[in-house]
Amino acid sequence: MAWVYILKCSDGSYYTGSAIDLEKRLAEHNTGTFDGYTAKRLPVKLIFAYETSTIHDAFLRERQIKGWSRRKKEALINGEWNKLVEYSKSKE
């Protein structure tokens, strides 16, 4: 099993990632283990997680979500499926 997840950073931005061990990856984000996007935006909070059958599937979903607008990500986070469909049809 693997995960695709969205974190809310201390500056209000979102970070989307994928991992096999979600708890370990969250700890790595919050300790700044990796010098990446979240390292300068600590602390981060897990606000969405979706389990997939393989890391490949999680990575594909991560890439898809990273291309979405902020409002579309928020619709996903909030479980607003009707808005998610609506935003998918719009140019935004």
PDB file of N, CA and C in Angstrom:
ATOM      1  N   MET A   1       0.832  -1.187   0.000  1.00  0.00           N
ATOM      2  CA  MET A   1       0.000   0.000   0.000  1.00  0.00           C
ATOM      3  C   MET A   1       0.875   1.250   0.000  1.00  0.00           C
ATOM      4  N   ALA A   2       0.307   2.331  -0.507  1.00  0.00           N
ATOM      5  CA  ALA A   2       1.008   3.611  -0.565  1.00  0.00           C
ATOM      6  C   ALA A   2      -0.014   4.737  -0.397  1.00  0.00           C
ATOM      7  N   TRP A   3       0.490   5.929  -0.218  1.00  0.00           N
ATOM      8  CA  TRP A   3      -0.371   7.073   0.071  1.00  0.00           C
ATOM      9  C   TRP A   3      -0.045   8.260  -0.819  1.00  0.00           C
ATOM     10  N   VAL A   4      -1.065   9.019  -1.161  1.00  0.00           N
ATOM     11  CA  VAL A   4      -0.903  10.366  -1.694  1.00  0.00           C
ATOM     12  C   VAL A   4      -1.494  11.268  -0.616  1.00  0.00           C
ATOM     13  N   TYR A   5      -0.840  12.387  -0.347  1.00  0.00           N
ATOM     14  CA  TYR A   5      -1.269  13.218   0.772  1.00  0.00           C
ATOM     15  C   TYR A   5      -1.100  14.694   0.446  1.00  0.00           C
ATOM     16  N   ILE A   6      -1.840  15.516   1.184  1.00  0.00           N
ATOM     17  CA  ILE A   6      -1.711  16.967   1.079  1.00  0.00           C
ATOM     18  C   ILE A   6      -1.444  17.503   2.476  1.00  0.00           C
ATOM     19  N   LEU A   7      -0.427  18.347   2.569  1.00  0.00           N
ATOM     20  CA  LEU A   7      -0.078  19.011   3.816  1.00  0.00           C
ATOM     21  C   LEU A   7      -0.428  20.488   3.705  1.00  0.00           C
ATOM     22  N   LYS A   8      -0.825  21.073   4.826  1.00  0.00           N
ATOM     23  CA  LYS A   8      -0.971  22.526   4.884  1.00  0.00           C
ATOM     24  C   LYS A   8       0.251  23.051   5.615  1.00  0.00           C
ATOM     25  N   CYS A   9       0.973  23.944   4.972  1.00  0.00           N
ATOM     26  CA  CYS A   9       2.201  24.495   5.537  1.00  0.00           C
ATOM     27  C   CYS A   9       1.883  25.712   6.410  1.00  0.00           C
ATOM     28  N   SER A  10       2.856  26.122   7.215  1.00  0.00           N
ATOM     29  CA  SER A  10       2.658  27.235   8.143  1.00  0.00           C
ATOM     30  C   SER A  10       2.324  28.546   7.436  1.00  0.00           C
ATOM     31  N   ASP A  11       2.712  28.695   6.171  1.00  0.00           N
ATOM     32  CA  ASP A  11       2.393  29.915   5.425  1.00  0.00           C
ATOM     33  C   ASP A  11       1.049  29.823   4.697  1.00  0.00           C
ATOM     34  N   GLY A  12       0.312  28.725   4.919  1.00  0.00           N
ATOM     35  CA  GLY A  12      -1.003  28.549   4.307  1.00  0.00           C
ATOM     36  C   GLY A  12      -0.980  27.851   2.957  1.00  0.00           C
ATOM     37  N   SER A  13       0.198  27.584   2.432  1.00  0.00           N
ATOM     38  CA  SER A  13       0.300  26.891   1.144  1.00  0.00           C
ATOM     39  C   SER A  13       0.084  25.392   1.330  1.00  0.00           C
ATOM     40  N   TYR A  14      -0.143  24.714   0.219  1.00  0.00           N
ATOM     41  CA  TYR A  14      -0.340  23.270   0.234  1.00  0.00           C
ATOM     42  C   TYR A  14       0.857  22.569  -0.402  1.00  0.00           C
ATOM     43  N   TYR A  15       1.163  21.399   0.128  1.00  0.00           N
ATOM     44  CA  TYR A  15       2.201  20.545  -0.449  1.00  0.00           C
ATOM     45  C   TYR A  15       1.579  19.180  -0.687  1.00  0.00           C
ATOM     46  N   THR A  16       1.729  18.654  -1.885  1.00  0.00           N
ATOM     47  CA  THR A  16       1.217  17.331  -2.232  1.00  0.00           C
ATOM     48  C   THR A  16       2.387  16.377  -2.407  1.00  0.00           C
ATOM     49  N   GLY A  17       2.277  15.191  -1.811  1.00  0.00           N
ATOM     50  CA  GLY A  17       3.343  14.205  -1.920  1.00  0.00           C
ATOM     51  C   GLY A  17       2.792  12.792  -1.922  1.00  0.00           C
ATOM     52  N   SER A  18       3.707  11.827  -2.018  1.00  0.00           N
ATOM     53  CA  SER A  18       3.330  10.414  -1.962  1.00  0.00           C
ATOM     54  C   SER A  18       4.371   9.671  -1.144  1.00  0.00           C
ATOM     55  N   ALA A  19       3.943   8.576  -0.528  1.00  0.00           N
ATOM     56  CA  ALA A  19       4.844   7.815   0.337  1.00  0.00           C
ATOM     57  C   ALA A  19       4.301   6.415   0.561  1.00  0.00           C
ATOM     58  N   ILE A  20       5.196   5.516   0.919  1.00  0.00           N
ATOM     59  CA  ILE A  20       4.785   4.178   1.331  1.00  0.00           C
ATOM     60  C   ILE A  20       4.457   4.188   2.821  1.00  0.00           C
ATOM     61  N   ASP A  21       5.302   4.809   3.624  1.00  0.00           N
ATOM     62  CA  ASP A  21       5.103   4.904   5.068  1.00  0.00           C
ATOM     63  C   ASP A  21       4.722   6.342   5.402  1.00  0.00           C
ATOM     64  N   LEU A  22       3.431   6.603   5.502  1.00  0.00           N
ATOM     65  CA  LEU A  22       2.929   7.964   5.686  1.00  0.00           C
ATOM     66  C   LEU A  22       3.397   8.575   7.003  1.00  0.00           C
ATOM     67  N   GLU A  23       3.322   7.830   8.090  1.00  0.00           N
ATOM     68  CA  GLU A  23       3.739   8.368   9.388  1.00  0.00           C
ATOM     69  C   GLU A  23       5.205   8.778   9.376  1.00  0.00           C
ATOM     70  N   LYS A  24       6.044   7.940   8.803  1.00  0.00           N
ATOM     71  CA  LYS A  24       7.474   8.249   8.716  1.00  0.00           C
ATOM     72  C   LYS A  24       7.702   9.497   7.867  1.00  0.00           C
ATOM     73  N   ARG A  25       7.000   9.573   6.752  1.00  0.00           N
ATOM     74  CA  ARG A  25       7.175  10.723   5.858  1.00  0.00           C
ATOM     75  C   ARG A  25       6.719  12.011   6.524  1.00  0.00           C
ATOM     76  N   LEU A  26       5.627  11.972   7.279  1.00  0.00           N
ATOM     77  CA  LEU A  26       5.164  13.165   7.995  1.00  0.00           C
ATOM     78  C   LEU A  26       6.191  13.621   9.019  1.00  0.00           C
ATOM     79  N   ALA A  27       6.772  12.664   9.724  1.00  0.00           N
ATOM     80  CA  ALA A  27       7.818  12.995  10.696  1.00  0.00           C
ATOM     81  C   ALA A  27       9.008  13.639   9.990  1.00  0.00           C
ATOM     82  N   GLU A  28       9.369  13.118   8.827  1.00  0.00           N
ATOM     83  CA  GLU A  28      10.479  13.693   8.061  1.00  0.00           C
ATOM     84  C   GLU A  28      10.170  15.127   7.643  1.00  0.00           C
ATOM     85  N   HIS A  29       8.940  15.370   7.225  1.00  0.00           N
ATOM     86  CA  HIS A  29       8.548  16.741   6.866  1.00  0.00           C
ATOM     87  C   HIS A  29       8.667  17.660   8.077  1.00  0.00           C
ATOM     88  N   ASN A  30       8.107  17.247   9.206  1.00  0.00           N
ATOM     89  CA  ASN A  30       8.051  18.130  10.370  1.00  0.00           C
ATOM     90  C   ASN A  30       9.379  18.325  11.084  1.00  0.00           C
ATOM     91  N   THR A  31      10.347  17.475  10.816  1.00  0.00           N
ATOM     92  CA  THR A  31      11.676  17.683  11.403  1.00  0.00           C
ATOM     93  C   THR A  31      12.615  18.368  10.419  1.00  0.00           C
ATOM     94  N   GLY A  32      12.148  18.626   9.211  1.00  0.00           N
ATOM     95  CA  GLY A  32      12.984  19.279   8.210  1.00  0.00           C
ATOM     96  C   GLY A  32      14.109  18.397   7.710  1.00  0.00           C
ATOM     97  N   THR A  33      13.923  17.079   7.777  1.00  0.00           N
ATOM     98  CA  THR A  33      14.944  16.122   7.355  1.00  0.00           C
ATOM     99  C   THR A  33      15.388  16.365   5.913  1.00  0.00           C
ATOM    100  N   PHE A  34      14.448  16.710   5.057  1.00  0.00           N
ATOM    101  CA  PHE A  34      14.768  16.966   3.656  1.00  0.00           C
ATOM    102  C   PHE A  34      14.714  18.461   3.386  1.00  0.00           C
ATOM    103  N   ASP A  35      15.717  18.967   2.685  1.00  0.00           N
ATOM    104  CA  ASP A  35      15.768  20.379   2.336  1.00  0.00           C
ATOM    105  C   ASP A  35      14.933  20.603   1.085  1.00  0.00           C
ATOM    106  N   GLY A  36      13.654  20.745   1.292  1.00  0.00           N
ATOM    107  CA  GLY A  36      12.740  20.931   0.172  1.00  0.00           C
ATOM    108  C   GLY A  36      11.705  21.985   0.511  1.00  0.00           C
ATOM    109  N   TYR A  37      10.596  21.947  -0.180  1.00  0.00           N
ATOM    110  CA  TYR A  37       9.548  22.957  -0.055  1.00  0.00           C
ATOM    111  C   TYR A  37       9.071  23.131   1.385  1.00  0.00           C
ATOM    112  N   THR A  38       8.816  22.035   2.079  1.00  0.00           N
ATOM    113  CA  THR A  38       8.237  22.145   3.425  1.00  0.00           C
ATOM    114  C   THR A  38       9.251  22.535   4.492  1.00  0.00           C
ATOM    115  N   ALA A  39      10.536  22.349   4.250  1.00  0.00           N
ATOM    116  CA  ALA A  39      11.562  22.612   5.268  1.00  0.00           C
ATOM    117  C   ALA A  39      11.530  24.055   5.766  1.00  0.00           C
ATOM    118  N   LYS A  40      11.149  24.983   4.916  1.00  0.00           N
ATOM    119  CA  LYS A  40      11.100  26.396   5.295  1.00  0.00           C
ATOM    120  C   LYS A  40       9.685  26.844   5.655  1.00  0.00           C
ATOM    121  N   ARG A  41       8.772  25.899   5.747  1.00  0.00           N
ATOM    122  CA  ARG A  41       7.368  26.223   6.010  1.00  0.00           C
ATOM    123  C   ARG A  41       6.809  25.377   7.152  1.00  0.00           C
ATOM    124  N   LEU A  42       7.613  25.126   8.150  1.00  0.00           N
ATOM    125  CA  LEU A  42       7.219  24.287   9.283  1.00  0.00           C
ATOM    126  C   LEU A  42       6.465  25.099  10.321  1.00  0.00           C
ATOM    127  N   PRO A  43       5.584  24.459  11.068  1.00  0.00           N
ATOM    128  CA  PRO A  43       5.205  23.051  10.957  1.00  0.00           C
ATOM    129  C   PRO A  43       4.205  22.841   9.821  1.00  0.00           C
ATOM    130  N   VAL A  44       4.066  21.588   9.432  1.00  0.00           N
ATOM    131  CA  VAL A  44       3.076  21.215   8.428  1.00  0.00           C
ATOM    132  C   VAL A  44       2.028  20.326   9.088  1.00  0.00           C
ATOM    133  N   LYS A  45       0.831  20.355   8.521  1.00  0.00           N
ATOM    134  CA  LYS A  45      -0.278  19.566   9.074  1.00  0.00           C
ATOM    135  C   LYS A  45      -0.894  18.722   7.959  1.00  0.00           C
ATOM    136  N   LEU A  46      -1.090  17.444   8.236  1.00  0.00           N
ATOM    137  CA  LEU A  46      -1.746  16.555   7.279  1.00  0.00           C
ATOM    138  C   LEU A  46      -3.225  16.918   7.208  1.00  0.00           C
ATOM    139  N   ILE A  47      -3.704  17.239   5.993  1.00  0.00           N
ATOM    140  CA  ILE A  47      -5.114  17.602   5.851  1.00  0.00           C
ATOM    141  C   ILE A  47      -5.868  16.699   4.880  1.00  0.00           C
ATOM    142  N   PHE A  48      -5.135  15.851   4.158  1.00  0.00           N
ATOM    143  CA  PHE A  48      -5.781  14.911   3.243  1.00  0.00           C
ATOM    144  C   PHE A  48      -4.837  13.748   3.001  1.00  0.00           C
ATOM    145  N   ALA A  49      -5.384  12.539   2.989  1.00  0.00           N
ATOM    146  CA  ALA A  49      -4.597  11.349   2.653  1.00  0.00           C
ATOM    147  C   ALA A  49      -5.512  10.344   1.963  1.00  0.00           C
ATOM    148  N   TYR A  50      -4.966   9.711   0.938  1.00  0.00           N
ATOM    149  CA  TYR A  50      -5.712   8.730   0.160  1.00  0.00           C
ATOM    150  C   TYR A  50      -4.806   7.533  -0.064  1.00  0.00           C
ATOM    151  N   GLU A  51      -5.277   6.355   0.314  1.00  0.00           N
ATOM    152  CA  GLU A  51      -4.484   5.141   0.167  1.00  0.00           C
ATOM    153  C   GLU A  51      -4.668   4.556  -1.230  1.00  0.00           C
ATOM    154  N   THR A  52      -3.554   4.155  -1.838  1.00  0.00           N
ATOM    155  CA  THR A  52      -3.567   3.519  -3.153  1.00  0.00           C
ATOM    156  C   THR A  52      -2.949   2.132  -3.037  1.00  0.00           C
ATOM    157  N   SER A  53      -3.104   1.344  -4.071  1.00  0.00           N
ATOM    158  CA  SER A  53      -2.587  -0.028  -4.009  1.00  0.00           C
ATOM    159  C   SER A  53      -1.085  -0.116  -4.255  1.00  0.00           C
ATOM    160  N   THR A  54      -0.524   0.838  -5.000  1.00  0.00           N
ATOM    161  CA  THR A  54       0.921   0.808  -5.281  1.00  0.00           C
ATOM    162  C   THR A  54       1.507   2.211  -5.184  1.00  0.00           C
ATOM    163  N   ILE A  55       2.815   2.293  -4.997  1.00  0.00           N
ATOM    164  CA  ILE A  55       3.486   3.595  -4.969  1.00  0.00           C
ATOM    165  C   ILE A  55       3.391   4.261  -6.335  1.00  0.00           C
ATOM    166  N   HIS A  56       3.369   3.473  -7.386  1.00  0.00           N
ATOM    167  CA  HIS A  56       3.214   4.032  -8.733  1.00  0.00           C
ATOM    168  C   HIS A  56       1.876   4.759  -8.863  1.00  0.00           C
ATOM    169  N   ASP A  57       0.801   4.138  -8.370  1.00  0.00           N
ATOM    170  CA  ASP A  57      -0.517   4.778  -8.393  1.00  0.00           C
ATOM    171  C   ASP A  57      -0.517   6.058  -7.562  1.00  0.00           C
ATOM    172  N   ALA A  58       0.124   6.020  -6.400  1.00  0.00           N
ATOM    173  CA  ALA A  58       0.202   7.205  -5.540  1.00  0.00           C
ATOM    174  C   ALA A  58       0.962   8.327  -6.244  1.00  0.00           C
ATOM    175  N   PHE A  59       2.059   7.978  -6.899  1.00  0.00           N
ATOM    176  CA  PHE A  59       2.853   8.975  -7.608  1.00  0.00           C
ATOM    177  C   PHE A  59       2.055   9.599  -8.754  1.00  0.00           C
ATOM    178  N   LEU A  60       1.309   8.782  -9.494  1.00  0.00           N
ATOM    179  CA  LEU A  60       0.494   9.311 -10.588  1.00  0.00           C
ATOM    180  C   LEU A  60      -0.566  10.273 -10.065  1.00  0.00           C
ATOM    181  N   ARG A  61      -1.209   9.902  -8.961  1.00  0.00           N
ATOM    182  CA  ARG A  61      -2.225  10.781  -8.373  1.00  0.00           C
ATOM    183  C   ARG A  61      -1.586  12.067  -7.839  1.00  0.00           C
ATOM    184  N   GLU A  62      -0.398  11.943  -7.233  1.00  0.00           N
ATOM    185  CA  GLU A  62       0.331  13.125  -6.752  1.00  0.00           C
ATOM    186  C   GLU A  62       0.574  14.105  -7.904  1.00  0.00           C
ATOM    187  N   ARG A  63       1.075  13.606  -9.019  1.00  0.00           N
ATOM    188  CA  ARG A  63       1.357  14.460 -10.179  1.00  0.00           C
ATOM    189  C   ARG A  63       0.079  15.128 -10.689  1.00  0.00           C
ATOM    190  N   GLN A  64      -1.026  14.385 -10.662  1.00  0.00           N
ATOM    191  CA  GLN A  64      -2.301  14.939 -11.106  1.00  0.00           C
ATOM    192  C   GLN A  64      -2.725  16.090 -10.201  1.00  0.00           C
ATOM    193  N   ILE A  65      -2.708  15.862  -8.899  1.00  0.00           N
ATOM    194  CA  ILE A  65      -3.152  16.868  -7.936  1.00  0.00           C
ATOM    195  C   ILE A  65      -2.246  18.095  -7.964  1.00  0.00           C
ATOM    196  N   LYS A  66      -0.954  17.901  -8.133  1.00  0.00           N
ATOM    197  CA  LYS A  66      -0.028  19.041  -8.186  1.00  0.00           C
ATOM    198  C   LYS A  66      -0.368  19.995  -9.326  1.00  0.00           C
ATOM    199  N   GLY A  67      -1.026  19.507 -10.355  1.00  0.00           N
ATOM    200  CA  GLY A  67      -1.414  20.357 -11.476  1.00  0.00           C
ATOM    201  C   GLY A  67      -2.730  21.094 -11.274  1.00  0.00           C
ATOM    202  N   TRP A  68      -3.403  20.841 -10.177  1.00  0.00           N
ATOM    203  CA  TRP A  68      -4.707  21.446  -9.920  1.00  0.00           C
ATOM    204  C   TRP A  68      -4.576  22.839  -9.326  1.00  0.00           C
ATOM    205  N   SER A  69      -5.637  23.626  -9.483  1.00  0.00           N
ATOM    206  CA  SER A  69      -5.721  24.938  -8.842  1.00  0.00           C
ATOM    207  C   SER A  69      -5.927  24.753  -7.335  1.00  0.00           C
ATOM    208  N   ARG A  70      -5.690  25.821  -6.597  1.00  0.00           N
ATOM    209  CA  ARG A  70      -5.895  25.784  -5.148  1.00  0.00           C
ATOM    210  C   ARG A  70      -7.349  25.444  -4.813  1.00  0.00           C
ATOM    211  N   ARG A  71      -8.297  26.057  -5.516  1.00  0.00           N
ATOM    212  CA  ARG A  71      -9.707  25.808  -5.180  1.00  0.00           C
ATOM    213  C   ARG A  71     -10.110  24.366  -5.479  1.00  0.00           C
ATOM    214  N   LYS A  72      -9.522  23.774  -6.502  1.00  0.00           N
ATOM    215  CA  LYS A  72      -9.823  22.374  -6.805  1.00  0.00           C
ATOM    216  C   LYS A  72      -9.240  21.466  -5.723  1.00  0.00           C
ATOM    217  N   LYS A  73      -8.025  21.776  -5.251  1.00  0.00           N
ATOM    218  CA  LYS A  73      -7.435  21.013  -4.147  1.00  0.00           C
ATOM    219  C   LYS A  73      -8.300  21.137  -2.897  1.00  0.00           C
ATOM    220  N   GLU A  74      -8.808  22.340  -2.634  1.00  0.00           N
ATOM    221  CA  GLU A  74      -9.650  22.540  -1.452  1.00  0.00           C
ATOM    222  C   GLU A  74     -10.960  21.769  -1.561  1.00  0.00           C
ATOM    223  N   ALA A  75     -11.510  21.657  -2.744  1.00  0.00           N
ATOM    224  CA  ALA A  75     -12.720  20.848  -2.939  1.00  0.00           C
ATOM    225  C   ALA A  75     -12.426  19.385  -2.607  1.00  0.00           C
ATOM    226  N   LEU A  76     -11.268  18.886  -3.030  1.00  0.00           N
ATOM    227  CA  LEU A  76     -10.865  17.512  -2.710  1.00  0.00           C
ATOM    228  C   LEU A  76     -10.690  17.346  -1.205  1.00  0.00           C
ATOM    229  N   ILE A  77      -9.970  18.262  -0.586  1.00  0.00           N
ATOM    230  CA  ILE A  77      -9.703  18.209   0.853  1.00  0.00           C
ATOM    231  C   ILE A  77     -11.006  18.190   1.645  1.00  0.00           C
ATOM    232  N   ASN A  78     -11.971  18.997   1.209  1.00  0.00           N
ATOM    233  CA  ASN A  78     -13.241  19.132   1.925  1.00  0.00           C
ATOM    234  C   ASN A  78     -14.293  18.109   1.514  1.00  0.00           C
ATOM    235  N   GLY A  79     -13.945  17.231   0.583  1.00  0.00           N
ATOM    236  CA  GLY A  79     -14.901  16.214   0.144  1.00  0.00           C
ATOM    237  C   GLY A  79     -16.077  16.791  -0.623  1.00  0.00           C
ATOM    238  N   GLU A  80     -15.877  17.922  -1.262  1.00  0.00           N
ATOM    239  CA  GLU A  80     -16.940  18.583  -2.025  1.00  0.00           C
ATOM    240  C   GLU A  80     -16.892  18.087  -3.471  1.00  0.00           C
ATOM    241  N   TRP A  81     -17.421  16.889  -3.654  1.00  0.00           N
ATOM    242  CA  TRP A  81     -17.291  16.201  -4.938  1.00  0.00           C
ATOM    243  C   TRP A  81     -17.962  16.951  -6.074  1.00  0.00           C
ATOM    244  N   ASN A  82     -19.109  17.585  -5.785  1.00  0.00           N
ATOM    245  CA  ASN A  82     -19.802  18.333  -6.837  1.00  0.00           C
ATOM    246  C   ASN A  82     -18.949  19.510  -7.315  1.00  0.00           C
ATOM    247  N   LYS A  83     -18.269  20.192  -6.396  1.00  0.00           N
ATOM    248  CA  LYS A  83     -17.387  21.296  -6.787  1.00  0.00           C
ATOM    249  C   LYS A  83     -16.160  20.776  -7.524  1.00  0.00           C
ATOM    250  N   LEU A  84     -15.673  19.630  -7.107  1.00  0.00           N
ATOM    251  CA  LEU A  84     -14.511  19.037  -7.769  1.00  0.00           C
ATOM    252  C   LEU A  84     -14.829  18.773  -9.243  1.00  0.00           C
ATOM    253  N   VAL A  85     -16.012  18.243  -9.491  1.00  0.00           N
ATOM    254  CA  VAL A  85     -16.444  17.990 -10.873  1.00  0.00           C
ATOM    255  C   VAL A  85     -16.604  19.313 -11.622  1.00  0.00           C
ATOM    256  N   GLU A  86     -17.233  20.287 -10.967  1.00  0.00           N
ATOM    257  CA  GLU A  86     -17.437  21.605 -11.591  1.00  0.00           C
ATOM    258  C   GLU A  86     -16.099  22.254 -11.954  1.00  0.00           C
ATOM    259  N   TYR A  87     -15.150  22.236 -11.033  1.00  0.00           N
ATOM    260  CA  TYR A  87     -13.844  22.855 -11.278  1.00  0.00           C
ATOM    261  C   TYR A  87     -13.050  22.089 -12.324  1.00  0.00           C
ATOM    262  N   SER A  88     -13.328  20.813 -12.469  1.00  0.00           N
ATOM    263  CA  SER A  88     -12.649  20.020 -13.493  1.00  0.00           C
ATOM    264  C   SER A  88     -13.106  20.426 -14.892  1.00  0.00           C
ATOM    265  N   LYS A  89     -14.324  20.919 -14.984  1.00  0.00           N
ATOM    266  CA  LYS A  89     -14.873  21.317 -16.277  1.00  0.00           C
ATOM    267  C   LYS A  89     -14.504  22.747 -16.644  1.00  0.00           C
ATOM    268  N   SER A  90     -14.121  23.556 -15.642  1.00  0.00           N
ATOM    269  CA  SER A  90     -13.798  24.957 -15.908  1.00  0.00           C
ATOM    270  C   SER A  90     -12.360  25.096 -16.387  1.00  0.00           C
ATOM    271  N   LYS A  91     -12.022  26.267 -16.860  1.00  0.00           N
ATOM    272  CA  LYS A  91     -10.670  26.542 -17.366  1.00  0.00           C
ATOM    273  C   LYS A  91      -9.680  26.727 -16.225  1.00  0.00           C
ATOM    274  N   GLU A  92     -10.154  26.958 -15.006  1.00  0.00           N
ATOM    275  CA  GLU A  92      -9.272  27.224 -13.884  1.00  0.00           C
ATOM    276  C   GLU A  92      -8.648  26.008 -13.303  1.00  0.00           C
TER     277      GLU A  92
END
